[in-house]
Amino acid sequence: LLAEVLSASFPVVAAVNGHAFAGGLLLALCADYRVFRGDRGFLCMNEVDMKPDPGEAAPGRFAHADRKLMAIIHYKAPHEDRAHMLRTMILEGQRFAGPDALRSGLVDRLAEENRVLLEAQELAAQ
């Protein structure tokens, strides 16, 4: 699915109406534009907060998600400052709420509670 979104022949707009972490964040980052509900939710790669049980094969699972995110970073974020911010998100599990997500470039617009999908549709129509 991520590859399909990345290679779409038309602009893709993600409407994020709450938390987006791990796979949800990966999918949102594949989109060309992201509209995020500014008063609720956060964006993060939460694998750093998840402690696998000893002997569990989870580190490989987490590394797989991080490799996907790094590939998206290099494809979608050629500017070093954004790539650095996303690497920090992976390594430290930093969470971004609405205003910080907008300021950092993770999202393109903030929307109010009932306007996320409408704002995304308006952006797509431009």
Foldseek 3Di string as FASTA:
>chain_A
DLVCLLPPPAAFEAQAQAEAEQPSLSSRLSGPAYEYAQPHYKYAHCPVVDDDDPPDPCVVVLVVSVVSVLVSCVVRPVDPQLSVVNVCRSPVVDIGGRVRCCVSVSHVYHDHNVCRVVVRVVVRVD
